[in-house]
Amino acid sequence: MRTPKLLLAAALAGGLVLPAISQAGVDVDINLAPPAPMVETPPPPPQPGYIWAVGYWNWVGGRHVWVPGHYMAPREGYHWVPDRWEPHGPRYHFAPGHWAR
């Protein structure tokens, strides 16, 4: 298969993005820190009890792109862990948001 080899060669040559395929999807590590989060003022919730998921910077097309926050229906017994970039040595790893107990 040529596509995975080309993807790996491009990632290693550029040194910027190193995707890794996992069972849940694609992991992204980059050398460029995300910008500071944008300040958002959430509108009133659509229903009482809804949870505001804060916006975050996504990595799209070789650059950071802001994904606005949004409301989600709550899940009893769970709390929302936001999408975030975590420093891993000189790189940054994207950790998608998820529900946790």
PDB file of N, CA and C in Angstrom:
ATOM      1  N   MET A   1       0.854  -1.180   0.000  1.00  0.00           N
ATOM      2  CA  MET A   1       0.000   0.000   0.000  1.00  0.00           C
ATOM      3  C   MET A   1       0.893   1.233   0.000  1.00  0.00           C
ATOM      4  N   ARG A   2       0.734   2.080  -0.987  1.00  0.00           N
ATOM      5  CA  ARG A   2       1.588   3.246  -1.122  1.00  0.00           C
ATOM      6  C   ARG A   2       1.124   4.407  -0.257  1.00  0.00           C
ATOM      7  N   THR A   3      -0.176   4.558  -0.016  1.00  0.00           N
ATOM      8  CA  THR A   3      -0.684   5.722   0.708  1.00  0.00           C
ATOM      9  C   THR A   3      -0.110   5.831   2.115  1.00  0.00           C
ATOM     10  N   PRO A   4      -0.125   4.784   2.949  1.00  0.00           N
ATOM     11  CA  PRO A   4       0.459   4.924   4.282  1.00  0.00           C
ATOM     12  C   PRO A   4       1.945   5.286   4.232  1.00  0.00           C
ATOM     13  N   LYS A   5       2.699   4.704   3.277  1.00  0.00           N
ATOM     14  CA  LYS A   5       4.119   5.013   3.168  1.00  0.00           C
ATOM     15  C   LYS A   5       4.320   6.477   2.798  1.00  0.00           C
ATOM     16  N   LEU A   6       3.505   6.994   1.863  1.00  0.00           N
ATOM     17  CA  LEU A   6       3.614   8.395   1.480  1.00  0.00           C
ATOM     18  C   LEU A   6       3.257   9.302   2.649  1.00  0.00           C
ATOM     19  N   LEU A   7       2.233   8.963   3.392  1.00  0.00           N
ATOM     20  CA  LEU A   7       1.823   9.752   4.552  1.00  0.00           C
ATOM     21  C   LEU A   7       2.932   9.790   5.593  1.00  0.00           C
ATOM     22  N   LEU A   8       3.533   8.652   5.875  1.00  0.00           N
ATOM     23  CA  LEU A   8       4.614   8.586   6.853  1.00  0.00           C
ATOM     24  C   LEU A   8       5.823   9.377   6.364  1.00  0.00           C
ATOM     25  N   ALA A   9       6.180   9.229   5.089  1.00  0.00           N
ATOM     26  CA  ALA A   9       7.325   9.964   4.544  1.00  0.00           C
ATOM     27  C   ALA A   9       7.088  11.463   4.618  1.00  0.00           C
ATOM     28  N   ALA A  10       5.882  11.922   4.289  1.00  0.00           N
ATOM     29  CA  ALA A  10       5.572  13.344   4.352  1.00  0.00           C
ATOM     30  C   ALA A  10       5.628  13.851   5.787  1.00  0.00           C
ATOM     31  N   ALA A  11       5.115  13.075   6.721  1.00  0.00           N
ATOM     32  CA  ALA A  11       5.120  13.482   8.133  1.00  0.00           C
ATOM     33  C   ALA A  11       6.547  13.580   8.660  1.00  0.00           C
ATOM     34  N   LEU A  12       7.376  12.596   8.319  1.00  0.00           N
ATOM     35  CA  LEU A  12       8.745  12.601   8.807  1.00  0.00           C
ATOM     36  C   LEU A  12       9.569  13.691   8.136  1.00  0.00           C
ATOM     37  N   ALA A  13       9.339  13.925   6.863  1.00  0.00           N
ATOM     38  CA  ALA A  13      10.083  14.961   6.144  1.00  0.00           C
ATOM     39  C   ALA A  13       9.736  16.341   6.668  1.00  0.00           C
ATOM     40  N   GLY A  14       8.467  16.589   6.900  1.00  0.00           N
ATOM     41  CA  GLY A  14       8.045  17.900   7.393  1.00  0.00           C
ATOM     42  C   GLY A  14       8.329  18.069   8.871  1.00  0.00           C
ATOM     43  N   GLY A  15       8.328  16.987   9.615  1.00  0.00           N
ATOM     44  CA  GLY A  15       8.606  17.046  11.042  1.00  0.00           C
ATOM     45  C   GLY A  15       7.537  17.751  11.848  1.00  0.00           C
ATOM     46  N   LEU A  16       6.431  18.070  11.238  1.00  0.00           N
ATOM     47  CA  LEU A  16       5.423  18.855  11.941  1.00  0.00           C
ATOM     48  C   LEU A  16       4.303  17.990  12.483  1.00  0.00           C
ATOM     49  N   VAL A  17       3.778  17.101  11.688  1.00  0.00           N
ATOM     50  CA  VAL A  17       2.634  16.289  12.107  1.00  0.00           C
ATOM     51  C   VAL A  17       3.018  14.825  12.003  1.00  0.00           C
ATOM     52  N   LEU A  18       2.709  14.083  13.031  1.00  0.00           N
ATOM     53  CA  LEU A  18       2.962  12.652  13.013  1.00  0.00           C
ATOM     54  C   LEU A  18       1.690  11.929  13.413  1.00  0.00           C
ATOM     55  N   PRO A  19       0.831  11.604  12.419  1.00  0.00           N
ATOM     56  CA  PRO A  19      -0.396  10.894  12.774  1.00  0.00           C
ATOM     57  C   PRO A  19      -0.090   9.432  13.082  1.00  0.00           C
ATOM     58  N   ALA A  20      -0.842   8.880  13.997  1.00  0.00           N
ATOM     59  CA  ALA A  20      -0.707   7.469  14.341  1.00  0.00           C
ATOM     60  C   ALA A  20      -2.108   6.874  14.357  1.00  0.00           C
ATOM     61  N   ILE A  21      -2.298   5.818  13.595  1.00  0.00           N
ATOM     62  CA  ILE A  21      -3.618   5.202  13.512  1.00  0.00           C
ATOM     63  C   ILE A  21      -3.824   4.315  14.731  1.00  0.00           C
ATOM     64  N   SER A  22      -4.947   4.499  15.392  1.00  0.00           N
ATOM     65  CA  SER A  22      -5.302   3.672  16.547  1.00  0.00           C
ATOM     66  C   SER A  22      -6.682   3.084  16.303  1.00  0.00           C
ATOM     67  N   GLN A  23      -7.154   2.278  17.219  1.00  0.00           N
ATOM     68  CA  GLN A  23      -8.469   1.677  17.044  1.00  0.00           C
ATOM     69  C   GLN A  23      -9.568   2.728  17.097  1.00  0.00           C
ATOM     70  N   ALA A  24      -9.360   3.805  17.836  1.00  0.00           N
ATOM     71  CA  ALA A  24     -10.400   4.824  17.988  1.00  0.00           C
ATOM     72  C   ALA A  24     -10.339   5.884  16.907  1.00  0.00           C
ATOM     73  N   GLY A  25      -9.247   5.983  16.159  1.00  0.00           N
ATOM     74  CA  GLY A  25      -9.138   7.010  15.135  1.00  0.00           C
ATOM     75  C   GLY A  25      -7.685   7.345  14.872  1.00  0.00           C
ATOM     76  N   VAL A  26      -7.418   8.610  14.593  1.00  0.00           N
ATOM     77  CA  VAL A  26      -6.072   9.055  14.278  1.00  0.00           C
ATOM     78  C   VAL A  26      -5.580   9.973  15.396  1.00  0.00           C
ATOM     79  N   ASP A  27      -4.402   9.684  15.936  1.00  0.00           N
ATOM     80  CA  ASP A  27      -3.777  10.545  16.934  1.00  0.00           C
ATOM     81  C   ASP A  27      -2.942  11.582  16.200  1.00  0.00           C
ATOM     82  N   VAL A  28      -2.906  12.810  16.730  1.00  0.00           N
ATOM     83  CA  VAL A  28      -2.137  13.867  16.103  1.00  0.00           C
ATOM     84  C   VAL A  28      -1.168  14.459  17.108  1.00  0.00           C
ATOM     85  N   ASP A  29       0.113  14.492  16.743  1.00  0.00           N
ATOM     86  CA  ASP A  29       1.157  15.156  17.508  1.00  0.00           C
ATOM     87  C   ASP A  29       1.777  16.195  16.590  1.00  0.00           C
ATOM     88  N   ILE A  30       1.956  17.423  17.095  1.00  0.00           N
ATOM     89  CA  ILE A  30       2.537  18.484  16.284  1.00  0.00           C
ATOM     90  C   ILE A  30       3.609  19.214  17.087  1.00  0.00           C
ATOM     91  N   ASN A  31       4.458  19.965  16.387  1.00  0.00           N
ATOM     92  CA  ASN A  31       5.512  20.743  17.031  1.00  0.00           C
ATOM     93  C   ASN A  31       5.065  22.148  17.401  1.00  0.00           C
ATOM     94  N   LEU A  32       3.929  22.578  16.948  1.00  0.00           N
ATOM     95  CA  LEU A  32       3.460  23.949  17.120  1.00  0.00           C
ATOM     96  C   LEU A  32       2.396  24.032  18.208  1.00  0.00           C
ATOM     97  N   ALA A  33       2.660  24.815  19.246  1.00  0.00           N
ATOM     98  CA  ALA A  33       1.680  24.979  20.327  1.00  0.00           C
ATOM     99  C   ALA A  33       0.421  25.655  19.803  1.00  0.00           C
ATOM    100  N   PRO A  34      -0.737  25.290  20.333  1.00  0.00           N
ATOM    101  CA  PRO A  34      -1.955  25.966  19.903  1.00  0.00           C
ATOM    102  C   PRO A  34      -1.985  27.398  20.441  1.00  0.00           C
ATOM    103  N   PRO A  35      -2.710  28.292  19.754  1.00  0.00           N
ATOM    104  CA  PRO A  35      -2.882  29.642  20.291  1.00  0.00           C
ATOM    105  C   PRO A  35      -3.673  29.588  21.601  1.00  0.00           C
ATOM    106  N   ALA A  36      -3.703  30.705  22.294  1.00  0.00           N
ATOM    107  CA  ALA A  36      -4.509  30.801  23.512  1.00  0.00           C
ATOM    108  C   ALA A  36      -5.974  30.565  23.160  1.00  0.00           C
ATOM    109  N   PRO A  37      -6.744  29.958  24.056  1.00  0.00           N
ATOM    110  CA  PRO A  37      -8.159  29.737  23.757  1.00  0.00           C
ATOM    111  C   PRO A  37      -8.884  31.063  23.518  1.00  0.00           C
ATOM    112  N   MET A  38      -9.847  31.029  22.603  1.00  0.00           N
ATOM    113  CA  MET A  38     -10.678  32.205  22.382  1.00  0.00           C
ATOM    114  C   MET A  38     -11.650  32.347  23.550  1.00  0.00           C
ATOM    115  N   VAL A  39     -12.002  33.563  23.859  1.00  0.00           N
ATOM    116  CA  VAL A  39     -12.968  33.813  24.922  1.00  0.00           C
ATOM    117  C   VAL A  39     -14.361  33.715  24.313  1.00  0.00           C
ATOM    118  N   GLU A  40     -15.170  32.839  24.856  1.00  0.00           N
ATOM    119  CA  GLU A  40     -16.542  32.652  24.365  1.00  0.00           C
ATOM    120  C   GLU A  40     -17.527  32.951  25.497  1.00  0.00           C
ATOM    121  N   THR A  41     -18.587  33.602  25.152  1.00  0.00           N
ATOM    122  CA  THR A  41     -19.669  33.819  26.099  1.00  0.00           C
ATOM    123  C   THR A  41     -20.816  32.900  25.680  1.00  0.00           C
ATOM    124  N   PRO A  42     -21.045  31.835  26.431  1.00  0.00           N
ATOM    125  CA  PRO A  42     -22.084  30.892  26.024  1.00  0.00           C
ATOM    126  C   PRO A  42     -23.467  31.551  26.051  1.00  0.00           C
ATOM    127  N   PRO A  43     -24.294  31.237  25.064  1.00  0.00           N
ATOM    128  CA  PRO A  43     -25.681  31.701  25.107  1.00  0.00           C
ATOM    129  C   PRO A  43     -26.427  30.908  26.186  1.00  0.00           C
ATOM    130  N   PRO A  44     -27.649  31.287  26.506  1.00  0.00           N
ATOM    131  CA  PRO A  44     -28.423  30.486  27.463  1.00  0.00           C
ATOM    132  C   PRO A  44     -28.569  29.056  26.946  1.00  0.00           C
ATOM    133  N   PRO A  45     -28.579  28.083  27.841  1.00  0.00           N
ATOM    134  CA  PRO A  45     -28.706  26.692  27.397  1.00  0.00           C
ATOM    135  C   PRO A  45     -30.066  26.426  26.756  1.00  0.00           C
ATOM    136  N   PRO A  46     -30.105  25.477  25.821  1.00  0.00           N
ATOM    137  CA  PRO A  46     -31.370  25.157  25.169  1.00  0.00           C
ATOM    138  C   PRO A  46     -32.375  24.518  26.116  1.00  0.00           C
ATOM    139  N   GLN A  47     -31.861  23.829  27.151  1.00  0.00           N
ATOM    140  CA  GLN A  47     -32.711  23.199  28.166  1.00  0.00           C
ATOM    141  C   GLN A  47     -31.966  23.241  29.497  1.00  0.00           C
ATOM    142  N   PRO A  48     -32.689  23.273  30.608  1.00  0.00           N
ATOM    143  CA  PRO A  48     -32.014  23.242  31.912  1.00  0.00           C
ATOM    144  C   PRO A  48     -31.136  21.992  32.041  1.00  0.00           C
ATOM    145  N   GLY A  49     -29.963  22.170  32.630  1.00  0.00           N
ATOM    146  CA  GLY A  49     -29.069  21.039  32.859  1.00  0.00           C
ATOM    147  C   GLY A  49     -28.090  20.755  31.740  1.00  0.00           C
ATOM    148  N   TYR A  50     -28.267  21.385  30.574  1.00  0.00           N
ATOM    149  CA  TYR A  50     -27.338  21.132  29.474  1.00  0.00           C
ATOM    150  C   TYR A  50     -25.947  21.630  29.851  1.00  0.00           C
ATOM    151  N   ILE A  51     -24.917  20.994  29.301  1.00  0.00           N
ATOM    152  CA  ILE A  51     -23.531  21.262  29.641  1.00  0.00           C
ATOM    153  C   ILE A  51     -22.848  21.987  28.484  1.00  0.00           C
ATOM    154  N   TRP A  52     -22.094  23.045  28.818  1.00  0.00           N
ATOM    155  CA  TRP A  52     -21.344  23.788  27.798  1.00  0.00           C
ATOM    156  C   TRP A  52     -19.991  23.108  27.587  1.00  0.00           C
ATOM    157  N   ALA A  53     -19.737  22.651  26.362  1.00  0.00           N
ATOM    158  CA  ALA A  53     -18.433  22.102  25.986  1.00  0.00           C
ATOM    159  C   ALA A  53     -17.645  23.258  25.380  1.00  0.00           C
ATOM    160  N   VAL A  54     -16.560  23.662  26.046  1.00  0.00           N
ATOM    161  CA  VAL A  54     -15.797  24.816  25.588  1.00  0.00           C
ATOM    162  C   VAL A  54     -15.187  24.559  24.215  1.00  0.00           C
ATOM    163  N   GLY A  55     -14.970  25.646  23.479  1.00  0.00           N
ATOM    164  CA  GLY A  55     -14.321  25.540  22.183  1.00  0.00           C
ATOM    165  C   GLY A  55     -12.856  25.148  22.332  1.00  0.00           C
ATOM    166  N   TYR A  56     -12.248  24.761  21.222  1.00  0.00           N
ATOM    167  CA  TYR A  56     -10.847  24.323  21.239  1.00  0.00           C
ATOM    168  C   TYR A  56     -10.230  24.530  19.862  1.00  0.00           C
ATOM    169  N   TRP A  57      -8.924  24.492  19.822  1.00  0.00           N
ATOM    170  CA  TRP A  57      -8.199  24.581  18.556  1.00  0.00           C
ATOM    171  C   TRP A  57      -8.018  23.176  17.987  1.00  0.00           C
ATOM    172  N   ASN A  58      -8.471  22.987  16.750  1.00  0.00           N
ATOM    173  CA  ASN A  58      -8.281  21.727  16.039  1.00  0.00           C
ATOM    174  C   ASN A  58      -7.144  21.926  15.051  1.00  0.00           C
ATOM    175  N   TRP A  59      -6.536  20.859  14.588  1.00  0.00           N
ATOM    176  CA  TRP A  59      -5.455  20.917  13.601  1.00  0.00           C
ATOM    177  C   TRP A  59      -6.020  20.451  12.270  1.00  0.00           C
ATOM    178  N   VAL A  60      -6.150  21.394  11.327  1.00  0.00           N
ATOM    179  CA  VAL A  60      -6.763  21.093  10.022  1.00  0.00           C
ATOM    180  C   VAL A  60      -5.918  21.717   8.922  1.00  0.00           C
ATOM    181  N   GLY A  61      -5.527  20.924   7.954  1.00  0.00           N
ATOM    182  CA  GLY A  61      -4.795  21.454   6.805  1.00  0.00           C
ATOM    183  C   GLY A  61      -3.492  22.148   7.162  1.00  0.00           C
ATOM    184  N   GLY A  62      -2.810  21.672   8.196  1.00  0.00           N
ATOM    185  CA  GLY A  62      -1.531  22.237   8.570  1.00  0.00           C
ATOM    186  C   GLY A  62      -1.607  23.511   9.387  1.00  0.00           C
ATOM    187  N   ARG A  63      -2.774  23.769   9.980  1.00  0.00           N
ATOM    188  CA  ARG A  63      -2.890  24.963  10.832  1.00  0.00           C
ATOM    189  C   ARG A  63      -3.954  24.746  11.895  1.00  0.00           C
ATOM    190  N   HIS A  64      -3.917  25.578  12.936  1.00  0.00           N
ATOM    191  CA  HIS A  64      -4.927  25.525  13.991  1.00  0.00           C
ATOM    192  C   HIS A  64      -6.191  26.243  13.525  1.00  0.00           C
ATOM    193  N   VAL A  65      -7.321  25.608  13.752  1.00  0.00           N
ATOM    194  CA  VAL A  65      -8.632  26.162  13.385  1.00  0.00           C
ATOM    195  C   VAL A  65      -9.521  26.073  14.624  1.00  0.00           C
ATOM    196  N   TRP A  66     -10.172  27.192  14.979  1.00  0.00           N
ATOM    197  CA  TRP A  66     -11.022  27.232  16.165  1.00  0.00           C
ATOM    198  C   TRP A  66     -12.330  26.486  15.943  1.00  0.00           C
ATOM    199  N   VAL A  67     -12.683  25.629  16.877  1.00  0.00           N
ATOM    200  CA  VAL A  67     -13.969  24.926  16.886  1.00  0.00           C
ATOM    201  C   VAL A  67     -14.774  25.543  18.029  1.00  0.00           C
ATOM    202  N   PRO A  68     -15.876  26.230  17.720  1.00  0.00           N
ATOM    203  CA  PRO A  68     -16.638  26.907  18.779  1.00  0.00           C
ATOM    204  C   PRO A  68     -17.248  25.925  19.779  1.00  0.00           C
ATOM    205  N   GLY A  69     -17.464  26.437  20.994  1.00  0.00           N
ATOM    206  CA  GLY A  69     -18.119  25.643  22.022  1.00  0.00           C
ATOM    207  C   GLY A  69     -19.577  25.381  21.664  1.00  0.00           C
ATOM    208  N   HIS A  70     -20.169  24.429  22.373  1.00  0.00           N
ATOM    209  CA  HIS A  70     -21.568  24.075  22.105  1.00  0.00           C
ATOM    210  C   HIS A  70     -22.156  23.392  23.349  1.00  0.00           C
ATOM    211  N   TYR A  71     -23.470  23.362  23.403  1.00  0.00           N
ATOM    212  CA  TYR A  71     -24.153  22.675  24.508  1.00  0.00           C
ATOM    213  C   TYR A  71     -24.365  21.206  24.175  1.00  0.00           C
ATOM    214  N   MET A  72     -24.343  20.397  25.234  1.00  0.00           N
ATOM    215  CA  MET A  72     -24.602  18.963  25.097  1.00  0.00           C
ATOM    216  C   MET A  72     -25.572  18.532  26.193  1.00  0.00           C
ATOM    217  N   ALA A  73     -26.374  17.541  25.864  1.00  0.00           N
ATOM    218  CA  ALA A  73     -27.261  16.963  26.875  1.00  0.00           C
ATOM    219  C   ALA A  73     -26.399  16.248  27.911  1.00  0.00           C
ATOM    220  N   PRO A  74     -26.736  16.367  29.181  1.00  0.00           N
ATOM    221  CA  PRO A  74     -25.927  15.712  30.218  1.00  0.00           C
ATOM    222  C   PRO A  74     -26.068  14.188  30.155  1.00  0.00           C
ATOM    223  N   ARG A  75     -25.079  13.505  30.714  1.00  0.00           N
ATOM    224  CA  ARG A  75     -25.127  12.046  30.871  1.00  0.00           C
ATOM    225  C   ARG A  75     -25.004  11.764  32.350  1.00  0.00           C
ATOM    226  N   GLU A  76     -26.036  11.190  32.908  1.00  0.00           N
ATOM    227  CA  GLU A  76     -26.052  10.944  34.349  1.00  0.00           C
ATOM    228  C   GLU A  76     -24.880  10.060  34.756  1.00  0.00           C
ATOM    229  N   GLY A  77     -24.197  10.480  35.818  1.00  0.00           N
ATOM    230  CA  GLY A  77     -23.066   9.718  36.329  1.00  0.00           C
ATOM    231  C   GLY A  77     -21.756  10.023  35.622  1.00  0.00           C
ATOM    232  N   TYR A  78     -21.754  10.952  34.662  1.00  0.00           N
ATOM    233  CA  TYR A  78     -20.555  11.287  33.896  1.00  0.00           C
ATOM    234  C   TYR A  78     -20.292  12.784  33.977  1.00  0.00           C
ATOM    235  N   HIS A  79     -19.049  13.168  33.704  1.00  0.00           N
ATOM    236  CA  HIS A  79     -18.705  14.571  33.530  1.00  0.00           C
ATOM    237  C   HIS A  79     -17.934  14.710  32.219  1.00  0.00           C
ATOM    238  N   TRP A  80     -17.993  15.895  31.628  1.00  0.00           N
ATOM    239  CA  TRP A  80     -17.348  16.131  30.334  1.00  0.00           C
ATOM    240  C   TRP A  80     -15.895  16.537  30.547  1.00  0.00           C
ATOM    241  N   VAL A  81     -14.976  15.857  29.869  1.00  0.00           N
ATOM    242  CA  VAL A  81     -13.561  16.209  29.857  1.00  0.00           C
ATOM    243  C   VAL A  81     -13.320  16.889  28.512  1.00  0.00           C
ATOM    244  N   PRO A  82     -12.934  18.177  28.504  1.00  0.00           N
ATOM    245  CA  PRO A  82     -12.846  18.925  27.245  1.00  0.00           C
ATOM    246  C   PRO A  82     -11.734  18.466  26.309  1.00  0.00           C
ATOM    247  N   ASP A  83     -11.916  18.778  25.022  1.00  0.00           N
ATOM    248  CA  ASP A  83     -10.866  18.599  24.020  1.00  0.00           C
ATOM    249  C   ASP A  83      -9.696  19.475  24.451  1.00  0.00           C
ATOM    250  N   ARG A  84      -8.465  18.995  24.237  1.00  0.00           N
ATOM    251  CA  ARG A  84      -7.317  19.774  24.682  1.00  0.00           C
ATOM    252  C   ARG A  84      -6.039  19.293  23.988  1.00  0.00           C
ATOM    253  N   TRP A  85      -5.038  20.163  24.017  1.00  0.00           N
ATOM    254  CA  TRP A  85      -3.690  19.843  23.558  1.00  0.00           C
ATOM    255  C   TRP A  85      -2.821  19.636  24.794  1.00  0.00           C
ATOM    256  N   GLU A  86      -2.127  18.507  24.859  1.00  0.00           N
ATOM    257  CA  GLU A  86      -1.266  18.194  25.993  1.00  0.00           C
ATOM    258  C   GLU A  86       0.186  18.208  25.539  1.00  0.00           C
ATOM    259  N   PRO A  87       1.056  18.914  26.271  1.00  0.00           N
ATOM    260  CA  PRO A  87       2.472  18.892  25.890  1.00  0.00           C
ATOM    261  C   PRO A  87       3.082  17.518  26.164  1.00  0.00           C
ATOM    262  N   HIS A  88       3.810  17.026  25.199  1.00  0.00           N
ATOM    263  CA  HIS A  88       4.548  15.758  25.318  1.00  0.00           C
ATOM    264  C   HIS A  88       5.961  16.044  24.844  1.00  0.00           C
ATOM    265  N   GLY A  89       6.848  16.428  25.761  1.00  0.00           N
ATOM    266  CA  GLY A  89       8.207  16.818  25.368  1.00  0.00           C
ATOM    267  C   GLY A  89       8.135  18.059  24.501  1.00  0.00           C
ATOM    268  N   PRO A  90       8.792  18.036  23.347  1.00  0.00           N
ATOM    269  CA  PRO A  90       8.768  19.210  22.461  1.00  0.00           C
ATOM    270  C   PRO A  90       7.522  19.258  21.565  1.00  0.00           C
ATOM    271  N   ARG A  91       6.662  18.265  21.664  1.00  0.00           N
ATOM    272  CA  ARG A  91       5.492  18.177  20.785  1.00  0.00           C
ATOM    273  C   ARG A  91       4.215  18.396  21.592  1.00  0.00           C
ATOM    274  N   TYR A  92       3.102  18.524  20.882  1.00  0.00           N
ATOM    275  CA  TYR A  92       1.783  18.671  21.490  1.00  0.00           C
ATOM    276  C   TYR A  92       0.885  17.577  20.937  1.00  0.00           C
ATOM    277  N   HIS A  93       0.179  16.909  21.841  1.00  0.00           N
ATOM    278  CA  HIS A  93      -0.707  15.792  21.473  1.00  0.00           C
ATOM    279  C   HIS A  93      -2.155  16.225  21.685  1.00  0.00           C
ATOM    280  N   PHE A  94      -3.004  15.983  20.685  1.00  0.00           N
ATOM    281  CA  PHE A  94      -4.420  16.323  20.804  1.00  0.00           C
ATOM    282  C   PHE A  94      -5.155  15.191  21.509  1.00  0.00           C
ATOM    283  N   ALA A  95      -5.855  15.552  22.592  1.00  0.00           N
ATOM    284  CA  ALA A  95      -6.680  14.597  23.335  1.00  0.00           C
ATOM    285  C   ALA A  95      -8.142  14.999  23.144  1.00  0.00           C
ATOM    286  N   PRO A  96      -8.919  14.215  22.417  1.00  0.00           N
ATOM    287  CA  PRO A  96     -10.315  14.575  22.175  1.00  0.00           C
ATOM    288  C   PRO A  96     -11.144  14.591  23.454  1.00  0.00           C
ATOM    289  N   GLY A  97     -12.170  15.421  23.477  1.00  0.00           N
ATOM    290  CA  GLY A  97     -13.091  15.462  24.596  1.00  0.00           C
ATOM    291  C   GLY A  97     -13.854  14.145  24.718  1.00  0.00           C
ATOM    292  N   HIS A  98     -14.257  13.841  25.954  1.00  0.00           N
ATOM    293  CA  HIS A  98     -14.990  12.586  26.171  1.00  0.00           C
ATOM    294  C   HIS A  98     -15.727  12.653  27.501  1.00  0.00           C
ATOM    295  N   TRP A  99     -16.692  11.766  27.647  1.00  0.00           N
ATOM    296  CA  TRP A  99     -17.419  11.626  28.900  1.00  0.00           C
ATOM    297  C   TRP A  99     -16.642  10.661  29.796  1.00  0.00           C
ATOM    298  N   ALA A 100     -16.501  11.021  31.066  1.00  0.00           N
ATOM    299  CA  ALA A 100     -15.799  10.155  32.024  1.00  0.00           C
ATOM    300  C   ALA A 100     -16.652  10.023  33.285  1.00  0.00           C
ATOM    301  N   ARG A 101     -16.494   8.928  33.971  1.00  0.00           N
ATOM    302  CA  ARG A 101     -17.220   8.704  35.237  1.00  0.00           C
ATOM    303  C   ARG A 101     -16.519   9.398  36.372  1.00  0.00           C
TER     304      ARG A 101
END
